[in-house]
Amino acid sequence: MLSFSKHSLERIEERGIKLEWIEDGVKNPDDFSKVSNMEVHFLKTIHENQDRCLKVVFNPISNMVITAFFDRGLRKRGCNFEV
C-alpha cells in the first residue's frame, strides 16, 4: 500500500485526481523514469479523464507519493518520456 505526503494529498484533492489512478499509475505505468535512488516518475494515461497523462512523483525508499499532476506536454507525446 502506498503512503502519501501531506503535500501530495493536498495537491491530489485540489487537482481532482483519484487515489486509484495514482495507485494504478505506480503499479501499471505506461512509462517511468528513475531520477535517483529516492525519486521515480511514473506516467499513466487516464482514459476516464479525457486520456490525460498523469505524472506521479514517487519515493521508492519510503514508498511515498510526493506529488501527482496531469502533464500537458507528455500527453502530446503519448504519455511517454521518449518519443
PDB file of N, CA and C in Angstrom:
ATOM      1  N   MET A   1       0.843  -1.190   0.000  1.00  0.00           N
ATOM      2  CA  MET A   1       0.000   0.000   0.000  1.00  0.00           C
ATOM      3  C   MET A   1       0.880   1.243   0.000  1.00  0.00           C
ATOM      4  N   LEU A   2       0.486   2.206  -0.782  1.00  0.00           N
ATOM      5  CA  LEU A   2       1.245   3.449  -0.893  1.00  0.00           C
ATOM      6  C   LEU A   2       0.948   4.370   0.280  1.00  0.00           C
ATOM      7  N   SER A   3       1.921   5.197   0.607  1.00  0.00           N
ATOM      8  CA  SER A   3       1.675   6.272   1.570  1.00  0.00           C
ATOM      9  C   SER A   3       1.760   7.588   0.801  1.00  0.00           C
ATOM     10  N   PHE A   4       1.204   8.624   1.383  1.00  0.00           N
ATOM     11  CA  PHE A   4       1.105   9.915   0.714  1.00  0.00           C
ATOM     12  C   PHE A   4       1.601  11.011   1.641  1.00  0.00           C
ATOM     13  N   SER A   5       2.424  11.905   1.104  1.00  0.00           N
ATOM     14  CA  SER A   5       2.851  13.059   1.888  1.00  0.00           C
ATOM     15  C   SER A   5       1.661  14.002   2.049  1.00  0.00           C
ATOM     16  N   LYS A   6       1.736  14.847   3.045  1.00  0.00           N
ATOM     17  CA  LYS A   6       0.669  15.838   3.258  1.00  0.00           C
ATOM     18  C   LYS A   6       0.520  16.703   2.008  1.00  0.00           C
ATOM     19  N   HIS A   7       1.650  17.111   1.448  1.00  0.00           N
ATOM     20  CA  HIS A   7       1.637  17.924   0.232  1.00  0.00           C
ATOM     21  C   HIS A   7       0.897  17.206  -0.894  1.00  0.00           C
ATOM     22  N   SER A   8       1.203  15.925  -1.087  1.00  0.00           N
ATOM     23  CA  SER A   8       0.568  15.194  -2.183  1.00  0.00           C
ATOM     24  C   SER A   8      -0.939  15.095  -1.988  1.00  0.00           C
ATOM     25  N   LEU A   9      -1.375  14.832  -0.780  1.00  0.00           N
ATOM     26  CA  LEU A   9      -2.818  14.727  -0.530  1.00  0.00           C
ATOM     27  C   LEU A   9      -3.526  16.049  -0.801  1.00  0.00           C
ATOM     28  N   GLU A  10      -2.900  17.154  -0.429  1.00  0.00           N
ATOM     29  CA  GLU A  10      -3.483  18.475  -0.702  1.00  0.00           C
ATOM     30  C   GLU A  10      -3.583  18.722  -2.201  1.00  0.00           C
ATOM     31  N   ARG A  11      -2.515  18.426  -2.926  1.00  0.00           N
ATOM     32  CA  ARG A  11      -2.498  18.668  -4.375  1.00  0.00           C
ATOM     33  C   ARG A  11      -3.438  17.716  -5.114  1.00  0.00           C
ATOM     34  N   ILE A  12      -3.484  16.473  -4.694  1.00  0.00           N
ATOM     35  CA  ILE A  12      -4.366  15.485  -5.322  1.00  0.00           C
ATOM     36  C   ILE A  12      -5.825  15.932  -5.212  1.00  0.00           C
ATOM     37  N   GLU A  13      -6.211  16.371  -4.020  1.00  0.00           N
ATOM     38  CA  GLU A  13      -7.583  16.843  -3.828  1.00  0.00           C
ATOM     39  C   GLU A  13      -7.845  18.095  -4.659  1.00  0.00           C
ATOM     40  N   GLU A  14      -6.913  19.019  -4.618  1.00  0.00           N
ATOM     41  CA  GLU A  14      -7.031  20.276  -5.355  1.00  0.00           C
ATOM     42  C   GLU A  14      -7.159  20.036  -6.863  1.00  0.00           C
ATOM     43  N   ARG A  15      -6.472  19.021  -7.370  1.00  0.00           N
ATOM     44  CA  ARG A  15      -6.439  18.744  -8.806  1.00  0.00           C
ATOM     45  C   ARG A  15      -7.485  17.730  -9.258  1.00  0.00           C
ATOM     46  N   GLY A  16      -8.274  17.217  -8.326  1.00  0.00           N
ATOM     47  CA  GLY A  16      -9.336  16.272  -8.674  1.00  0.00           C
ATOM     48  C   GLY A  16      -8.822  14.931  -9.162  1.00  0.00           C
ATOM     49  N   ILE A  17      -7.709  14.482  -8.601  1.00  0.00           N
ATOM     50  CA  ILE A  17      -7.099  13.219  -9.005  1.00  0.00           C
ATOM     51  C   ILE A  17      -7.560  12.117  -8.056  1.00  0.00           C
ATOM     52  N   LYS A  18      -8.004  11.014  -8.606  1.00  0.00           N
ATOM     53  CA  LYS A  18      -8.461   9.895  -7.788  1.00  0.00           C
ATOM     54  C   LYS A  18      -7.271   9.069  -7.308  1.00  0.00           C
ATOM     55  N   LEU A  19      -7.340   8.606  -6.054  1.00  0.00           N
ATOM     56  CA  LEU A  19      -6.259   7.801  -5.497  1.00  0.00           C
ATOM     57  C   LEU A  19      -6.046   6.508  -6.280  1.00  0.00           C
ATOM     58  N   GLU A  20      -7.114   5.922  -6.803  1.00  0.00           N
ATOM     59  CA  GLU A  20      -6.958   4.685  -7.578  1.00  0.00           C
ATOM     60  C   GLU A  20      -6.184   4.927  -8.875  1.00  0.00           C
ATOM     61  N   TRP A  21      -6.288   6.128  -9.455  1.00  0.00           N
ATOM     62  CA  TRP A  21      -5.497   6.454 -10.639  1.00  0.00           C
ATOM     63  C   TRP A  21      -4.010   6.448 -10.288  1.00  0.00           C
ATOM     64  N   ILE A  22      -3.693   7.013  -9.136  1.00  0.00           N
ATOM     65  CA  ILE A  22      -2.298   7.077  -8.694  1.00  0.00           C
ATOM     66  C   ILE A  22      -1.767   5.672  -8.436  1.00  0.00           C
ATOM     67  N   GLU A  23      -2.531   4.881  -7.710  1.00  0.00           N
ATOM     68  CA  GLU A  23      -2.101   3.510  -7.412  1.00  0.00           C
ATOM     69  C   GLU A  23      -1.890   2.710  -8.699  1.00  0.00           C
ATOM     70  N   ASP A  24      -2.789   2.854  -9.656  1.00  0.00           N
ATOM     71  CA  ASP A  24      -2.652   2.152 -10.928  1.00  0.00           C
ATOM     72  C   ASP A  24      -1.434   2.667 -11.697  1.00  0.00           C
ATOM     73  N   GLY A  25      -1.191   3.971 -11.614  1.00  0.00           N
ATOM     74  CA  GLY A  25      -0.040   4.557 -12.295  1.00  0.00           C
ATOM     75  C   GLY A  25       1.283   4.049 -11.756  1.00  0.00           C
ATOM     76  N   VAL A  26       1.348   3.800 -10.461  1.00  0.00           N
ATOM     77  CA  VAL A  26       2.574   3.277  -9.853  1.00  0.00           C
ATOM     78  C   VAL A  26       2.720   1.779 -10.126  1.00  0.00           C
ATOM     79  N   LYS A  27       1.628   1.049 -10.062  1.00  0.00           N
ATOM     80  CA  LYS A  27       1.686  -0.408 -10.251  1.00  0.00           C
ATOM     81  C   LYS A  27       1.749  -0.828 -11.720  1.00  0.00           C
ATOM     82  N   ASN A  28       1.083  -0.068 -12.592  1.00  0.00           N
ATOM     83  CA  ASN A  28       0.988  -0.416 -14.014  1.00  0.00           C
ATOM     84  C   ASN A  28       1.252   0.807 -14.892  1.00  0.00           C
ATOM     85  N   PRO A  29       2.420   1.402 -14.801  1.00  0.00           N
ATOM     86  CA  PRO A  29       2.671   2.644 -15.551  1.00  0.00           C
ATOM     87  C   PRO A  29       2.776   2.412 -17.055  1.00  0.00           C
ATOM     88  N   ASP A  30       2.456   3.461 -17.817  1.00  0.00           N
ATOM     89  CA  ASP A  30       2.702   3.442 -19.253  1.00  0.00           C
ATOM     90  C   ASP A  30       4.196   3.658 -19.513  1.00  0.00           C
ATOM     91  N   ASP A  31       4.835   4.406 -18.632  1.00  0.00           N
ATOM     92  CA  ASP A  31       6.265   4.670 -18.725  1.00  0.00           C
ATOM     93  C   ASP A  31       6.749   5.119 -17.348  1.00  0.00           C
ATOM     94  N   PHE A  32       8.059   5.064 -17.135  1.00  0.00           N
ATOM     95  CA  PHE A  32       8.618   5.557 -15.879  1.00  0.00           C
ATOM     96  C   PHE A  32      10.063   5.978 -16.106  1.00  0.00           C
ATOM     97  N   SER A  33      10.539   6.806 -15.199  1.00  0.00           N
ATOM     98  CA  SER A  33      11.907   7.293 -15.272  1.00  0.00           C
ATOM     99  C   SER A  33      12.485   7.338 -13.866  1.00  0.00           C
ATOM    100  N   LYS A  34      13.600   6.643 -13.674  1.00  0.00           N
ATOM    101  CA  LYS A  34      14.274   6.676 -12.376  1.00  0.00           C
ATOM    102  C   LYS A  34      15.182   7.909 -12.367  1.00  0.00           C
ATOM    103  N   VAL A  35      14.795   8.894 -11.577  1.00  0.00           N
ATOM    104  CA  VAL A  35      15.546  10.143 -11.493  1.00  0.00           C
ATOM    105  C   VAL A  35      16.748   9.957 -10.579  1.00  0.00           C
ATOM    106  N   SER A  36      16.530   9.259  -9.458  1.00  0.00           N
ATOM    107  CA  SER A  36      17.593   8.948  -8.498  1.00  0.00           C
ATOM    108  C   SER A  36      17.132   7.748  -7.678  1.00  0.00           C
ATOM    109  N   ASN A  37      17.945   7.324  -6.715  1.00  0.00           N
ATOM    110  CA  ASN A  37      17.526   6.226  -5.831  1.00  0.00           C
ATOM    111  C   ASN A  37      16.310   6.605  -5.004  1.00  0.00           C
ATOM    112  N   MET A  38      16.096   7.899  -4.835  1.00  0.00           N
ATOM    113  CA  MET A  38      14.994   8.368  -3.988  1.00  0.00           C
ATOM    114  C   MET A  38      13.819   8.945  -4.773  1.00  0.00           C
ATOM    115  N   GLU A  39      13.888   8.914  -6.114  1.00  0.00           N
ATOM    116  CA  GLU A  39      12.809   9.526  -6.886  1.00  0.00           C
ATOM    117  C   GLU A  39      12.591   8.813  -8.211  1.00  0.00           C
ATOM    118  N   VAL A  40      11.342   8.394  -8.423  1.00  0.00           N
ATOM    119  CA  VAL A  40      10.921   7.776  -9.674  1.00  0.00           C
ATOM    120  C   VAL A  40       9.684   8.530 -10.155  1.00  0.00           C
ATOM    121  N   HIS A  41       9.615   8.791 -11.463  1.00  0.00           N
ATOM    122  CA  HIS A  41       8.442   9.421 -12.064  1.00  0.00           C
ATOM    123  C   HIS A  41       7.698   8.366 -12.866  1.00  0.00           C
ATOM    124  N   PHE A  42       6.412   8.210 -12.575  1.00  0.00           N
ATOM    125  CA  PHE A  42       5.559   7.266 -13.283  1.00  0.00           C
ATOM    126  C   PHE A  42       4.561   8.029 -14.140  1.00  0.00           C
ATOM    127  N   LEU A  43       4.268   7.520 -15.322  1.00  0.00           N
ATOM    128  CA  LEU A  43       3.277   8.111 -16.214  1.00  0.00           C
ATOM    129  C   LEU A  43       2.153   7.114 -16.464  1.00  0.00           C
ATOM    130  N   LYS A  44       0.934   7.631 -16.513  1.00  0.00           N
ATOM    131  CA  LYS A  44      -0.219   6.770 -16.786  1.00  0.00           C
ATOM    132  C   LYS A  44      -1.282   7.575 -17.526  1.00  0.00           C
ATOM    133  N   THR A  45      -1.736   7.054 -18.662  1.00  0.00           N
ATOM    134  CA  THR A  45      -2.852   7.670 -19.372  1.00  0.00           C
ATOM    135  C   THR A  45      -4.132   7.350 -18.615  1.00  0.00           C
ATOM    136  N   ILE A  46      -4.905   8.386 -18.308  1.00  0.00           N
ATOM    137  CA  ILE A  46      -6.157   8.211 -17.569  1.00  0.00           C
ATOM    138  C   ILE A  46      -7.307   8.357 -18.560  1.00  0.00           C
ATOM    139  N   HIS A  47      -7.808   7.223 -19.009  1.00  0.00           N
ATOM    140  CA  HIS A  47      -8.864   7.218 -20.013  1.00  0.00           C
ATOM    141  C   HIS A  47     -10.148   7.842 -19.475  1.00  0.00           C
ATOM    142  N   GLU A  48     -10.398   7.678 -18.183  1.00  0.00           N
ATOM    143  CA  GLU A  48     -11.606   8.247 -17.559  1.00  0.00           C
ATOM    144  C   GLU A  48     -11.568   9.774 -17.521  1.00  0.00           C
ATOM    145  N   ASN A  49     -10.403  10.361 -17.771  1.00  0.00           N
ATOM    146  CA  ASN A  49     -10.250  11.810 -17.700  1.00  0.00           C
ATOM    147  C   ASN A  49      -9.668  12.318 -19.023  1.00  0.00           C
ATOM    148  N   GLN A  50     -10.367  12.042 -20.105  1.00  0.00           N
ATOM    149  CA  GLN A  50     -10.049  12.539 -21.444  1.00  0.00           C
ATOM    150  C   GLN A  50      -8.631  12.160 -21.904  1.00  0.00           C
ATOM    151  N   ASP A  51      -8.181  10.978 -21.515  1.00  0.00           N
ATOM    152  CA  ASP A  51      -6.857  10.471 -21.896  1.00  0.00           C
ATOM    153  C   ASP A  51      -5.711  11.386 -21.482  1.00  0.00           C
ATOM    154  N   ARG A  52      -5.905  12.084 -20.382  1.00  0.00           N
ATOM    155  CA  ARG A  52      -4.842  12.954 -19.870  1.00  0.00           C
ATOM    156  C   ARG A  52      -3.720  12.109 -19.276  1.00  0.00           C
ATOM    157  N   CYS A  53      -2.511  12.669 -19.270  1.00  0.00           N
ATOM    158  CA  CYS A  53      -1.324  11.961 -18.797  1.00  0.00           C
ATOM    159  C   CYS A  53      -1.033  12.340 -17.341  1.00  0.00           C
ATOM    160  N   LEU A  54      -1.190  11.367 -16.452  1.00  0.00           N
ATOM    161  CA  LEU A  54      -0.926  11.568 -15.032  1.00  0.00           C
ATOM    162  C   LEU A  54       0.542  11.269 -14.749  1.00  0.00           C
ATOM    163  N   LYS A  55       1.202  12.203 -14.096  1.00  0.00           N
ATOM    164  CA  LYS A  55       2.589  12.010 -13.673  1.00  0.00           C
ATOM    165  C   LYS A  55       2.604  11.907 -12.155  1.00  0.00           C
ATOM    166  N   VAL A  56       3.189  10.819 -11.653  1.00  0.00           N
ATOM    167  CA  VAL A  56       3.284  10.588 -10.210  1.00  0.00           C
ATOM    168  C   VAL A  56       4.760  10.614  -9.830  1.00  0.00           C
ATOM    169  N   VAL A  57       5.104  11.486  -8.901  1.00  0.00           N
ATOM    170  CA  VAL A  57       6.466  11.554  -8.382  1.00  0.00           C
ATOM    171  C   VAL A  57       6.475  10.735  -7.096  1.00  0.00           C
ATOM    172  N   PHE A  58       7.361   9.739  -7.056  1.00  0.00           N
ATOM    173  CA  PHE A  58       7.309   8.709  -6.028  1.00  0.00           C
ATOM    174  C   PHE A  58       8.686   8.469  -5.421  1.00  0.00           C
ATOM    175  N   ASN A  59       8.727   8.260  -4.103  1.00  0.00           N
ATOM    176  CA  ASN A  59       9.958   7.900  -3.404  1.00  0.00           C
ATOM    177  C   ASN A  59       9.889   6.407  -3.090  1.00  0.00           C
ATOM    178  N   PRO A  60      10.666   5.569  -3.799  1.00  0.00           N
ATOM    179  CA  PRO A  60      10.577   4.124  -3.588  1.00  0.00           C
ATOM    180  C   PRO A  60      11.157   3.657  -2.248  1.00  0.00           C
ATOM    181  N   ILE A  61      12.006   4.454  -1.639  1.00  0.00           N
ATOM    182  CA  ILE A  61      12.592   4.075  -0.356  1.00  0.00           C
ATOM    183  C   ILE A  61      11.542   4.153   0.752  1.00  0.00           C
ATOM    184  N   SER A  62      10.783   5.244   0.759  1.00  0.00           N
ATOM    185  CA  SER A  62       9.741   5.405   1.779  1.00  0.00           C
ATOM    186  C   SER A  62       8.382   4.907   1.300  1.00  0.00           C
ATOM    187  N   ASN A  63       8.301   4.480   0.005  1.00  0.00           N
ATOM    188  CA  ASN A  63       7.041   4.038  -0.588  1.00  0.00           C
ATOM    189  C   ASN A  63       5.990   5.143  -0.534  1.00  0.00           C
ATOM    190  N   MET A  64       6.458   6.397  -0.768  1.00  0.00           N
ATOM    191  CA  MET A  64       5.585   7.555  -0.598  1.00  0.00           C
ATOM    192  C   MET A  64       5.405   8.330  -1.903  1.00  0.00           C
ATOM    193  N   VAL A  65       4.152   8.693  -2.161  1.00  0.00           N
ATOM    194  CA  VAL A  65       3.834   9.575  -3.274  1.00  0.00           C
ATOM    195  C   VAL A  65       4.168  10.997  -2.820  1.00  0.00           C
ATOM    196  N   ILE A  66       5.006  11.672  -3.597  1.00  0.00           N
ATOM    197  CA  ILE A  66       5.413  13.042  -3.271  1.00  0.00           C
ATOM    198  C   ILE A  66       4.424  14.048  -3.852  1.00  0.00           C
ATOM    199  N   THR A  67       4.040  13.831  -5.108  1.00  0.00           N
ATOM    200  CA  THR A  67       3.031  14.669  -5.748  1.00  0.00           C
ATOM    201  C   THR A  67       2.510  13.944  -6.986  1.00  0.00           C
ATOM    202  N   ALA A  68       1.422  14.450  -7.527  1.00  0.00           N
ATOM    203  CA  ALA A  68       0.841  13.908  -8.753  1.00  0.00           C
ATOM    204  C   ALA A  68       0.128  15.040  -9.478  1.00  0.00           C
ATOM    205  N   PHE A  69       0.248  15.026 -10.803  1.00  0.00           N
ATOM    206  CA  PHE A  69      -0.395  16.079 -11.591  1.00  0.00           C
ATOM    207  C   PHE A  69      -0.540  15.599 -13.027  1.00  0.00           C
ATOM    208  N   PHE A  70      -1.418  16.279 -13.776  1.00  0.00           N
ATOM    209  CA  PHE A  70      -1.593  15.980 -15.187  1.00  0.00           C
ATOM    210  C   PHE A  70      -0.608  16.822 -15.984  1.00  0.00           C
ATOM    211  N   ASP A  71       0.220  16.160 -16.778  1.00  0.00           N
ATOM    212  CA  ASP A  71       1.280  16.818 -17.535  1.00  0.00           C
ATOM    213  C   ASP A  71       0.835  16.998 -18.980  1.00  0.00           C
ATOM    214  N   ARG A  72       0.527  18.225 -19.350  1.00  0.00           N
ATOM    215  CA  ARG A  72       0.017  18.510 -20.697  1.00  0.00           C
ATOM    216  C   ARG A  72       1.035  18.190 -21.785  1.00  0.00           C
ATOM    217  N   GLY A  73       2.295  18.484 -21.536  1.00  0.00           N
ATOM    218  CA  GLY A  73       3.336  18.244 -22.534  1.00  0.00           C
ATOM    219  C   GLY A  73       3.510  16.776 -22.859  1.00  0.00           C
ATOM    220  N   LEU A  74       3.408  15.936 -21.852  1.00  0.00           N
ATOM    221  CA  LEU A  74       3.577  14.493 -22.072  1.00  0.00           C
ATOM    222  C   LEU A  74       2.374  13.878 -22.764  1.00  0.00           C
ATOM    223  N   ARG A  75       1.215  14.468 -22.607  1.00  0.00           N
ATOM    224  CA  ARG A  75       0.032  13.952 -23.295  1.00  0.00           C
ATOM    225  C   ARG A  75       0.241  14.009 -24.800  1.00  0.00           C
ATOM    226  N   LYS A  76       0.853  15.087 -25.257  1.00  0.00           N
ATOM    227  CA  LYS A  76       1.099  15.264 -26.680  1.00  0.00           C
ATOM    228  C   LYS A  76       2.080  14.217 -27.215  1.00  0.00           C
ATOM    229  N   ARG A  77       2.896  13.667 -26.334  1.00  0.00           N
ATOM    230  CA  ARG A  77       3.883  12.639 -26.725  1.00  0.00           C
ATOM    231  C   ARG A  77       3.398  11.235 -26.426  1.00  0.00           C
ATOM    232  N   GLY A  78       2.125  11.070 -26.181  1.00  0.00           N
ATOM    233  CA  GLY A  78       1.571   9.747 -25.935  1.00  0.00           C
ATOM    234  C   GLY A  78       1.832   9.236 -24.537  1.00  0.00           C
ATOM    235  N   CYS A  79       2.038  10.138 -23.593  1.00  0.00           N
ATOM    236  CA  CYS A  79       2.262   9.781 -22.182  1.00  0.00           C
ATOM    237  C   CYS A  79       3.508   8.901 -22.037  1.00  0.00           C
ATOM    238  N   ASN A  80       4.567   9.293 -22.755  1.00  0.00           N
ATOM    239  CA  ASN A  80       5.861   8.618 -22.691  1.00  0.00           C
ATOM    240  C   ASN A  80       6.952   9.664 -22.531  1.00  0.00           C
ATOM    241  N   PHE A  81       8.028   9.277 -21.844  1.00  0.00           N
ATOM    242  CA  PHE A  81       9.139  10.200 -21.680  1.00  0.00           C
ATOM    243  C   PHE A  81       9.886  10.430 -22.979  1.00  0.00           C
ATOM    244  N   GLU A  82      10.047   9.368 -23.789  1.00  0.00           N
ATOM    245  CA  GLU A  82      10.775   9.493 -25.054  1.00  0.00           C
ATOM    246  C   GLU A  82       9.816   9.312 -26.199  1.00  0.00           C
ATOM    247  N   VAL A  83      10.063  10.056 -27.251  1.00  0.00           N
ATOM    248  CA  VAL A  83       9.195   9.989 -28.431  1.00  0.00           C
ATOM    249  C   VAL A  83       9.609   8.841 -29.310  1.00  0.00           C
TER     250      VAL A  83
END
